[in-house]
Amino acid sequence: MRLQDDDPGAAFRALPDLTPPPAAFDLDAIVRDGYKARRRHRAVLTGASATSVAAIAAVLAFSAGLLPVGPDGDDVSGPPAGESGEHEGGPDPALSGYPWPGYDGFGDEAVAEQLTEAGREAFGNLLIATGLVAADDFRSTTNEPTEEEIQLYADELGLTFEEAEAELTYEEGDGLFVFSGNTTPGNYGQVQLYGYRAWVLGSEDPESGSWTQHLLTVETLLPGGWTAEPGPTSEQFFPQHLIDDDVADFATTDLDDGRVLYTADDQCELAVAVVYPNGSALRATWDKGCAEGGVTTEVDPAVLEAAALAMPEIDYSTEGLSEIDEVLEVPTGWLESDRSWEEWADDGAQATGEAVEARLAELLPGSTLGEPSASLADPWAFADPDTVRKHQYSMHASVPFTTTIDTTVDDASADLVYTLPGGWLPGFNEPGQEGPFLADCRADFTCTEREIDGRTAYIAERRETISADGDSGDGPWFEGEYEVTVVDPDGWAVSAWVQFGNEDFELSSDELAEVLAQLPAPVYDEDLEPVLGD
């Protein structure tokens, strides 16, 4: 049954006015005005790293004569709540973060289930009222075999009836609006932000089948790597801002139980955030469907606020949270939603490929190069406006050095990638970690750095003899890999990955680095600069 004719928000609209009286020292206004000034001067900021909110507020307040001072002119204000500074009982969470959780990701299944149950209870009626989903959509579906199917399966595999029933009975789907662990890079991967996320999709492109709109996205954040001070929410900033106040209608409400409610209502999006006394937070974002192909769905701000406030405060484990000793200066990265480079990206990739092909023919006669491509986003796919991504050209080369992979003997392959300036640093990330550096030094690799003709090469090499496999009967075999990245002083880089299966492979990693150091610069619009998130 669809309940879109019901009004799920009637009980929530009569909210009392909990807005606190204006303070004599309005830090929110200072920071907000500072970011507006920053937006007006993007040309100055584009090459800069993300700056802490505390520094911005301090500079602006000092210049305006607003910070309280002692008789000797000393600042006696102390750090405002949510700002950088020493915090009782440990480091400042805003300038802290978590390690990369590995390829298995972050998340506690019990916490995710608790959030899913609470989220469906809090937001379910609101979503059902849109007419896009039904109550049954939130329920998991289970494959329940018949007794005959169970017995046939048991007889076929020699199982007991109970064993066969257990194997054939499983959940086919979890239903809509399921929370799962979520990891977001802080300062381009120097640290990670941990949380949980659930969403409901809004519209689908009929031609590609790609979903172009997240109708509702709800995220929770553990303490660490973010600040409650309003500002641009993109990953270009560190600490990351929970909510942006550069909207048509913005409000902050201090609740009696210690929570703080933020509401940002703009033409195309409604965002609500809740900061809990334990330092965690929740953010709910409703897409009103302004983008092409989006479903237009208005929502009463009071109803979304009530749903967000109905979510419980979770006592998350902050194991692994540590303060950053030094915030690295990373060139501003590109927003995934910034499609301005697509006007010339394909042409740039083609021109770069032609230049590389000609140079490889001189350096390594007999080489061939496949069709180059730019890392363009799917034009119909949903793009998180806050996510950053690298701009890259990719191409596949064959080089005249014989190798054996399994039983195939052929010329070695090299995957070439040009990375354009923006959102990364030259160097190696720590083993087992993902960070702001372009090259990785993975476990079992030997990693070195050297200068070649004014460019810097980061060389990672693995040579390993794998022991005999007793189960399969395979004897020992050899595996080799090169991952080499050469960075140019102009801020671009070219990388190559080569795999080989013979110990006497004639191309060394140093020789590969010397080849890469002689490849031409990529063709791209050097005047185009990343746009800072609004």
Foldseek 3Di string as FASTA:
>chain_A
DFDLVDDPCPVQPPDDPQADDDDPQDLLVQLQVLQVVCQVPVVVPQQWAFDFSQVSSVVSCVVVVNFDADPVRHGPPPDDPQGADDDPPAHAQLQKAFFAPFPVADWDPVVQVLQLVLLCVLCVVVVSSQVPDGPCQQAWAKQQDDQVVLVVQCVVVVHDSVVSRVVRIDTPGNGAFGKGKDWDAASLFPHIWIWIKGFDFFFADPPPRAGAGTQKMKIKTDRHQEGQNADFQANRHTSGYPHHQPAPDWGWGQDPQGKIWIWGDHDFKTKIKIAHPVRMIMMMMGGCQPDPRGDHDDDDNSSVRRSRVSRDDDPDDPPRMDGDPDNDIARAFAFLPPCVQVVCLQVLLQVQQVQQQVLCCVVANPKDKARKDWPRDDPRHYGDRRYGDWTKIKIKMFGQWWFADPHDIDTWIKIKMKTAAHQADDDEDDEPGDRRHDHYAYPQWDWDWDDDPQKIKIKTKHWDWAQQDPVVRRHIFIKIKIWMKIAHPVGMIMIIIIIHTDPVTPQDRVNVNNSRVPGDDGDGDPPDTHNDGD
